[in-house]
PDB file of N, CA and C in Angstrom:
ATOM      1  N   MET A   1     -25.287  46.510  26.092  1.00  0.00           N
ATOM      2  CA  MET A   1     -25.189  45.579  24.995  1.00  0.00           C
ATOM      3  C   MET A   1     -24.177  44.480  25.306  1.00  0.00           C
ATOM      4  N   ILE A   2     -23.040  44.851  25.878  1.00  0.00           N
ATOM      5  CA  ILE A   2     -22.017  43.852  26.203  1.00  0.00           C
ATOM      6  C   ILE A   2     -22.549  42.894  27.273  1.00  0.00           C
ATOM      7  N   ALA A   3     -23.219  43.442  28.278  1.00  0.00           N
ATOM      8  CA  ALA A   3     -23.770  42.583  29.331  1.00  0.00           C
ATOM      9  C   ALA A   3     -24.808  41.625  28.765  1.00  0.00           C
ATOM     10  N   ASP A   4     -25.586  42.062  27.797  1.00  0.00           N
ATOM     11  CA  ASP A   4     -26.582  41.187  27.176  1.00  0.00           C
ATOM     12  C   ASP A   4     -25.904  40.046  26.426  1.00  0.00           C
ATOM     13  N   LEU A   5     -24.818  40.344  25.707  1.00  0.00           N
ATOM     14  CA  LEU A   5     -24.100  39.299  24.981  1.00  0.00           C
ATOM     15  C   LEU A   5     -23.440  38.309  25.931  1.00  0.00           C
ATOM     16  N   VAL A   6     -22.879  38.817  27.026  1.00  0.00           N
ATOM     17  CA  VAL A   6     -22.273  37.920  28.019  1.00  0.00           C
ATOM     18  C   VAL A   6     -23.341  37.023  28.635  1.00  0.00           C
ATOM     19  N   GLY A   7     -24.487  37.584  28.960  1.00  0.00           N
ATOM     20  CA  GLY A   7     -25.577  36.783  29.521  1.00  0.00           C
ATOM     21  C   GLY A   7     -26.056  35.719  28.557  1.00  0.00           C
ATOM     22  N   ASP A   8     -26.140  36.064  27.281  1.00  0.00           N
ATOM     23  CA  ASP A   8     -26.541  35.073  26.281  1.00  0.00           C
ATOM     24  C   ASP A   8     -25.519  33.947  26.186  1.00  0.00           C
ATOM     25  N   ASN A   9     -24.235  34.285  26.215  1.00  0.00           N
ATOM     26  CA  ASN A   9     -23.189  33.266  26.145  1.00  0.00           C
ATOM     27  C   ASN A   9     -23.229  32.341  27.346  1.00  0.00           C
ATOM     28  N   VAL A  10     -23.382  32.905  28.544  1.00  0.00           N
ATOM     29  CA  VAL A  10     -23.430  32.088  29.758  1.00  0.00           C
ATOM     30  C   VAL A  10     -24.647  31.167  29.719  1.00  0.00           C
ATOM     31  N   GLY A  11     -25.792  31.698  29.318  1.00  0.00           N
ATOM     32  CA  GLY A  11     -26.996  30.868  29.241  1.00  0.00           C
ATOM     33  C   GLY A  11     -26.860  29.748  28.225  1.00  0.00           C
ATOM     34  N   ASP A  12     -26.256  30.036  27.088  1.00  0.00           N
ATOM     35  CA  ASP A  12     -26.075  29.001  26.065  1.00  0.00           C
ATOM     36  C   ASP A  12     -25.124  27.916  26.536  1.00  0.00           C
ATOM     37  N   CYS A  13     -24.029  28.310  27.172  1.00  0.00           N
ATOM     38  CA  CYS A  13     -23.059  27.319  27.648  1.00  0.00           C
ATOM     39  C   CYS A  13     -23.653  26.465  28.769  1.00  0.00           C
ATOM     40  N   ALA A  14     -24.359  27.094  29.696  1.00  0.00           N
ATOM     41  CA  ALA A  14     -24.969  26.338  30.799  1.00  0.00           C
ATOM     42  C   ALA A  14     -26.034  25.388  30.262  1.00  0.00           C
ATOM     43  N   GLY A  15     -26.826  25.831  29.289  1.00  0.00           N
ATOM     44  CA  GLY A  15     -27.838  24.960  28.707  1.00  0.00           C
ATOM     45  C   GLY A  15     -27.231  23.797  27.951  1.00  0.00           C
ATOM     46  N   GLN A  16     -26.121  24.053  27.272  1.00  0.00           N
ATOM     47  CA  GLN A  16     -25.453  22.996  26.509  1.00  0.00           C
ATOM     48  C   GLN A  16     -24.915  21.920  27.449  1.00  0.00           C
ATOM     49  N   CYS A  17     -24.302  22.337  28.556  1.00  0.00           N
ATOM     50  CA  CYS A  17     -23.755  21.364  29.498  1.00  0.00           C
ATOM     51  C   CYS A  17     -24.865  20.586  30.202  1.00  0.00           C
ATOM     52  N   ALA A  18     -25.990  21.228  30.457  1.00  0.00           N
ATOM     53  CA  ALA A  18     -27.110  20.525  31.075  1.00  0.00           C
ATOM     54  C   ALA A  18     -27.646  19.448  30.133  1.00  0.00           C
ATOM     55  N   ASP A  19     -27.720  19.760  28.841  1.00  0.00           N
ATOM     56  CA  ASP A  19     -28.165  18.759  27.874  1.00  0.00           C
ATOM     57  C   ASP A  19     -27.174  17.606  27.774  1.00  0.00           C
ATOM     58  N   LEU A  20     -25.891  17.926  27.834  1.00  0.00           N
ATOM     59  CA  LEU A  20     -24.860  16.892  27.767  1.00  0.00           C
ATOM     60  C   LEU A  20     -24.947  15.971  28.972  1.00  0.00           C
ATOM     61  N   PHE A  21     -25.115  16.554  30.174  1.00  0.00           N
ATOM     62  CA  PHE A  21     -25.233  15.746  31.384  1.00  0.00           C
ATOM     63  C   PHE A  21     -26.459  14.850  31.326  1.00  0.00           C
ATOM     64  N   GLU A  22     -27.563  15.395  30.827  1.00  0.00           N
ATOM     65  CA  GLU A  22     -28.785  14.598  30.727  1.00  0.00           C
ATOM     66  C   GLU A  22     -28.594  13.424  29.777  1.00  0.00           C
ATOM     67  N   SER A  23     -27.929  13.648  28.662  1.00  0.00           N
ATOM     68  CA  SER A  23     -27.704  12.576  27.690  1.00  0.00           C
ATOM     69  C   SER A  23     -26.818  11.482  28.270  1.00  0.00           C
ATOM     70  N   ILE A  24     -25.747  11.883  28.949  1.00  0.00           N
ATOM     71  CA  ILE A  24     -24.824  10.894  29.505  1.00  0.00           C
ATOM     72  C   ILE A  24     -25.489  10.110  30.635  1.00  0.00           C
ATOM     73  N   SER A  25     -26.226  10.785  31.509  1.00  0.00           N
ATOM     74  CA  SER A  25     -26.868  10.067  32.612  1.00  0.00           C
ATOM     75  C   SER A  25     -27.954   9.127  32.094  1.00  0.00           C
ATOM     76  N   ALA A  26     -28.681   9.540  31.067  1.00  0.00           N
ATOM     77  CA  ALA A  26     -29.690   8.642  30.487  1.00  0.00           C
ATOM     78  C   ALA A  26     -29.021   7.425  29.848  1.00  0.00           C
ATOM     79  N   GLU A  27     -27.877   7.636  29.229  1.00  0.00           N
ATOM     80  CA  GLU A  27     -27.144   6.517  28.622  1.00  0.00           C
ATOM     81  C   GLU A  27     -26.674   5.527  29.684  1.00  0.00           C
ATOM     82  N   ILE A  28     -26.135   6.031  30.789  1.00  0.00           N
ATOM     83  CA  ILE A  28     -25.641   5.156  31.860  1.00  0.00           C
ATOM     84  C   ILE A  28     -26.787   4.367  32.488  1.00  0.00           C
ATOM     85  N   ILE A  29     -27.881   5.047  32.794  1.00  0.00           N
ATOM     86  CA  ILE A  29     -29.007   4.377  33.441  1.00  0.00           C
ATOM     87  C   ILE A  29     -29.618   3.324  32.522  1.00  0.00           C
ATOM     88  N   SER A  30     -29.761   3.636  31.236  1.00  0.00           N
ATOM     89  CA  SER A  30     -30.334   2.640  30.312  1.00  0.00           C
ATOM     90  C   SER A  30     -29.401   1.443  30.150  1.00  0.00           C
ATOM     91  N   ALA A  31     -28.081   1.668  30.130  1.00  0.00           N
ATOM     92  CA  ALA A  31     -27.143   0.545  30.039  1.00  0.00           C
ATOM     93  C   ALA A  31     -27.207  -0.322  31.295  1.00  0.00           C
ATOM     94  N   MET A  32     -27.404   0.304  32.457  1.00  0.00           N
ATOM     95  CA  MET A  32     -27.529  -0.471  33.693  1.00  0.00           C
ATOM     96  C   MET A  32     -28.804  -1.305  33.689  1.00  0.00           C
ATOM     97  N   ILE A  33     -29.893  -0.734  33.208  1.00  0.00           N
ATOM     98  CA  ILE A  33     -31.158  -1.484  33.137  1.00  0.00           C
ATOM     99  C   ILE A  33     -31.047  -2.645  32.163  1.00  0.00           C
ATOM    100  N   LEU A  34     -30.454  -2.387  30.989  1.00  0.00           N
ATOM    101  CA  LEU A  34     -30.287  -3.469  30.010  1.00  0.00           C
ATOM    102  C   LEU A  34     -29.388  -4.576  30.547  1.00  0.00           C
ATOM    103  N   GLY A  35     -28.282  -4.196  31.188  1.00  0.00           N
ATOM    104  CA  GLY A  35     -27.380  -5.203  31.747  1.00  0.00           C
ATOM    105  C   GLY A  35     -28.055  -6.049  32.815  1.00  0.00           C
ATOM    106  N   GLY A  36     -28.805  -5.406  33.687  1.00  0.00           N
ATOM    107  CA  GLY A  36     -29.524  -6.152  34.723  1.00  0.00           C
ATOM    108  C   GLY A  36     -30.586  -7.063  34.151  1.00  0.00           C
ATOM    109  N   THR A  37     -31.281  -6.596  33.111  1.00  0.00           N
ATOM    110  CA  THR A  37     -32.320  -7.412  32.483  1.00  0.00           C
ATOM    111  C   THR A  37     -31.718  -8.616  31.766  1.00  0.00           C
ATOM    112  N   PHE A  38     -30.632  -8.377  31.027  1.00  0.00           N
ATOM    113  CA  PHE A  38     -29.983  -9.496  30.323  1.00  0.00           C
ATOM    114  C   PHE A  38     -29.436 -10.524  31.299  1.00  0.00           C
ATOM    115  N   ALA A  39     -28.830 -10.061  32.399  1.00  0.00           N
ATOM    116  CA  ALA A  39     -28.298 -10.999  33.400  1.00  0.00           C
ATOM    117  C   ALA A  39     -29.430 -11.768  34.075  1.00  0.00           C
ATOM    118  N   HIS A  40     -30.549 -11.100  34.314  1.00  0.00           N
ATOM    119  CA  HIS A  40     -31.694 -11.775  34.942  1.00  0.00           C
ATOM    120  C   HIS A  40     -32.288 -12.816  33.994  1.00  0.00           C
ATOM    121  N   GLU A  41     -32.430 -12.463  32.717  1.00  0.00           N
ATOM    122  CA  GLU A  41     -32.996 -13.404  31.739  1.00  0.00           C
ATOM    123  C   GLU A  41     -32.076 -14.592  31.499  1.00  0.00           C
ATOM    124  N   ALA A  42     -30.763 -14.389  31.633  1.00  0.00           N
ATOM    125  CA  ALA A  42     -29.814 -15.493  31.462  1.00  0.00           C
ATOM    126  C   ALA A  42     -29.687 -16.329  32.728  1.00  0.00           C
ATOM    127  N   GLN A  43     -30.388 -15.943  33.789  1.00  0.00           N
ATOM    128  CA  GLN A  43     -30.390 -16.627  35.078  1.00  0.00           C
ATOM    129  C   GLN A  43     -28.983 -16.784  35.642  1.00  0.00           C
ATOM    130  N   LEU A  44     -28.240 -15.678  35.606  1.00  0.00           N
ATOM    131  CA  LEU A  44     -26.887 -15.668  36.153  1.00  0.00           C
ATOM    132  C   LEU A  44     -26.948 -15.492  37.661  1.00  0.00           C
ATOM    133  N   PRO A  45     -25.888 -15.887  38.372  1.00  0.00           N
ATOM    134  CA  PRO A  45     -25.872 -15.668  39.831  1.00  0.00           C
ATOM    135  C   PRO A  45     -25.827 -14.178  40.157  1.00  0.00           C
ATOM    136  N   ILE A  46     -26.127 -13.861  41.397  1.00  0.00           N
ATOM    137  CA  ILE A  46     -26.255 -12.472  41.820  1.00  0.00           C
ATOM    138  C   ILE A  46     -24.959 -11.689  41.630  1.00  0.00           C
ATOM    139  N   GLU A  47     -23.805 -12.335  41.785  1.00  0.00           N
ATOM    140  CA  GLU A  47     -22.528 -11.641  41.604  1.00  0.00           C
ATOM    141  C   GLU A  47     -22.365 -11.184  40.157  1.00  0.00           C
ATOM    142  N   ALA A  48     -22.773 -12.014  39.219  1.00  0.00           N
ATOM    143  CA  ALA A  48     -22.675 -11.656  37.803  1.00  0.00           C
ATOM    144  C   ALA A  48     -23.662 -10.549  37.456  1.00  0.00           C
ATOM    145  N   LYS A  49     -24.838 -10.592  38.071  1.00  0.00           N
ATOM    146  CA  LYS A  49     -25.825  -9.531  37.826  1.00  0.00           C
ATOM    147  C   LYS A  49     -25.278  -8.183  38.276  1.00  0.00           C
ATOM    148  N   ALA A  50     -24.634  -8.163  39.433  1.00  0.00           N
ATOM    149  CA  ALA A  50     -24.057  -6.911  39.928  1.00  0.00           C
ATOM    150  C   ALA A  50     -22.984  -6.401  38.980  1.00  0.00           C
ATOM    151  N   GLY A  51     -22.209  -7.310  38.407  1.00  0.00           N
ATOM    152  CA  GLY A  51     -21.179  -6.906  37.457  1.00  0.00           C
ATOM    153  C   GLY A  51     -21.770  -6.279  36.207  1.00  0.00           C
ATOM    154  N   PHE A  52     -22.847  -6.857  35.700  1.00  0.00           N
ATOM    155  CA  PHE A  52     -23.505  -6.316  34.515  1.00  0.00           C
ATOM    156  C   PHE A  52     -24.118  -4.940  34.792  1.00  0.00           C
ATOM    157  N   ILE A  53     -24.625  -4.763  35.997  1.00  0.00           N
ATOM    158  CA  ILE A  53     -25.257  -3.492  36.336  1.00  0.00           C
ATOM    159  C   ILE A  53     -24.209  -2.402  36.596  1.00  0.00           C
ATOM    160  N   LEU A  54     -23.104  -2.736  37.237  1.00  0.00           N
ATOM    161  CA  LEU A  54     -22.113  -1.734  37.614  1.00  0.00           C
ATOM    162  C   LEU A  54     -21.084  -1.434  36.515  1.00  0.00           C
ATOM    163  N   PHE A  55     -21.046  -2.235  35.464  1.00  0.00           N
ATOM    164  CA  PHE A  55     -20.050  -2.034  34.411  1.00  0.00           C
ATOM    165  C   PHE A  55     -20.128  -0.644  33.763  1.00  0.00           C
ATOM    166  N   PRO A  56     -21.308  -0.114  33.410  1.00  0.00           N
ATOM    167  CA  PRO A  56     -21.345   1.247  32.834  1.00  0.00           C
ATOM    168  C   PRO A  56     -20.797   2.318  33.787  1.00  0.00           C
ATOM    169  N   LEU A  57     -21.020   2.153  35.086  1.00  0.00           N
ATOM    170  CA  LEU A  57     -20.474   3.109  36.046  1.00  0.00           C
ATOM    171  C   LEU A  57     -18.952   3.030  36.096  1.00  0.00           C
ATOM    172  N   LEU A  58     -18.421   1.825  36.006  1.00  0.00           N
ATOM    173  CA  LEU A  58     -16.974   1.643  36.004  1.00  0.00           C
ATOM    174  C   LEU A  58     -16.341   2.309  34.781  1.00  0.00           C
ATOM    175  N   ILE A  59     -16.933   2.104  33.618  1.00  0.00           N
ATOM    176  CA  ILE A  59     -16.402   2.686  32.388  1.00  0.00           C
ATOM    177  C   ILE A  59     -16.418   4.214  32.463  1.00  0.00           C
ATOM    178  N   HIS A  60     -17.496   4.798  32.938  1.00  0.00           N
ATOM    179  CA  HIS A  60     -17.574   6.253  32.992  1.00  0.00           C
ATOM    180  C   HIS A  60     -16.721   6.844  34.118  1.00  0.00           C
ATOM    181  N   SER A  61     -16.443   6.080  35.153  1.00  0.00           N
ATOM    182  CA  SER A  61     -15.513   6.576  36.165  1.00  0.00           C
ATOM    183  C   SER A  61     -14.092   6.603  35.610  1.00  0.00           C
ATOM    184  N   VAL A  62     -13.750   5.646  34.750  1.00  0.00           N
ATOM    185  CA  VAL A  62     -12.447   5.670  34.070  1.00  0.00           C
ATOM    186  C   VAL A  62     -12.382   6.874  33.131  1.00  0.00           C
ATOM    187  N   ASP A  63     -13.494   7.206  32.470  1.00  0.00           N
ATOM    188  CA  ASP A  63     -13.550   8.403  31.624  1.00  0.00           C
ATOM    189  C   ASP A  63     -13.258   9.665  32.427  1.00  0.00           C
ATOM    190  N   LEU A  64     -13.837   9.758  33.619  1.00  0.00           N
ATOM    191  CA  LEU A  64     -13.602  10.932  34.457  1.00  0.00           C
ATOM    192  C   LEU A  64     -12.145  11.054  34.869  1.00  0.00           C
ATOM    193  N   ILE A  65     -11.537   9.937  35.210  1.00  0.00           N
ATOM    194  CA  ILE A  65     -10.127   9.952  35.599  1.00  0.00           C
ATOM    195  C   ILE A  65      -9.254  10.364  34.420  1.00  0.00           C
ATOM    196  N   ALA A  66      -9.524   9.808  33.240  1.00  0.00           N
ATOM    197  CA  ALA A  66      -8.746  10.166  32.052  1.00  0.00           C
ATOM    198  C   ALA A  66      -8.928  11.631  31.682  1.00  0.00           C
ATOM    199  N   SER A  67     -10.142  12.148  31.809  1.00  0.00           N
ATOM    200  CA  SER A  67     -10.386  13.563  31.515  1.00  0.00           C
ATOM    201  C   SER A  67      -9.655  14.471  32.496  1.00  0.00           C
ATOM    202  N   THR A  68      -9.652  14.094  33.763  1.00  0.00           N
ATOM    203  CA  THR A  68      -8.958  14.897  34.762  1.00  0.00           C
ATOM    204  C   THR A  68      -7.464  14.929  34.494  1.00  0.00           C
ATOM    205  N   ILE A  69      -6.881  13.779  34.171  1.00  0.00           N
ATOM    206  CA  ILE A  69      -5.448  13.726  33.861  1.00  0.00           C
ATOM    207  C   ILE A  69      -5.130  14.560  32.631  1.00  0.00           C
ATOM    208  N   SER A  70      -5.983  14.481  31.609  1.00  0.00           N
ATOM    209  CA  SER A  70      -5.708  15.240  30.388  1.00  0.00           C
ATOM    210  C   SER A  70      -5.835  16.748  30.617  1.00  0.00           C
ATOM    211  N   VAL A  71      -6.759  17.178  31.478  1.00  0.00           N
ATOM    212  CA  VAL A  71      -6.877  18.609  31.778  1.00  0.00           C
ATOM    213  C   VAL A  71      -5.606  19.111  32.470  1.00  0.00           C
ATOM    214  N   PHE A  72      -5.063  18.318  33.388  1.00  0.00           N
ATOM    215  CA  PHE A  72      -3.834  18.750  34.057  1.00  0.00           C
ATOM    216  C   PHE A  72      -2.639  18.728  33.110  1.00  0.00           C
ATOM    217  N   CYS A  73      -2.642  17.841  32.122  1.00  0.00           N
ATOM    218  CA  CYS A  73      -1.543  17.810  31.150  1.00  0.00           C
ATOM    219  C   CYS A  73      -1.583  19.022  30.224  1.00  0.00           C
ATOM    220  N   VAL A  74      -2.788  19.470  29.898  1.00  0.00           N
ATOM    221  CA  VAL A  74      -2.894  20.631  29.000  1.00  0.00           C
ATOM    222  C   VAL A  74      -2.497  21.876  29.751  1.00  0.00           C
TER     223      VAL A  74
END
């Protein structure tokens, strides 16, 4: 019985994190597509287009750094 409860907990936690990762990655990819489309429609130079596309990755990399620092502080 205890092993069954532990297995259920592990499966629920792993499934929850997989859903979270899927949501975040879909958000990043859609923001990159929107940024690239808006920059293309505004006829911006290629350097500006790259900035619009890479901005969501930059923001989420800052999130990772902040999360890592906060885990070590706790």
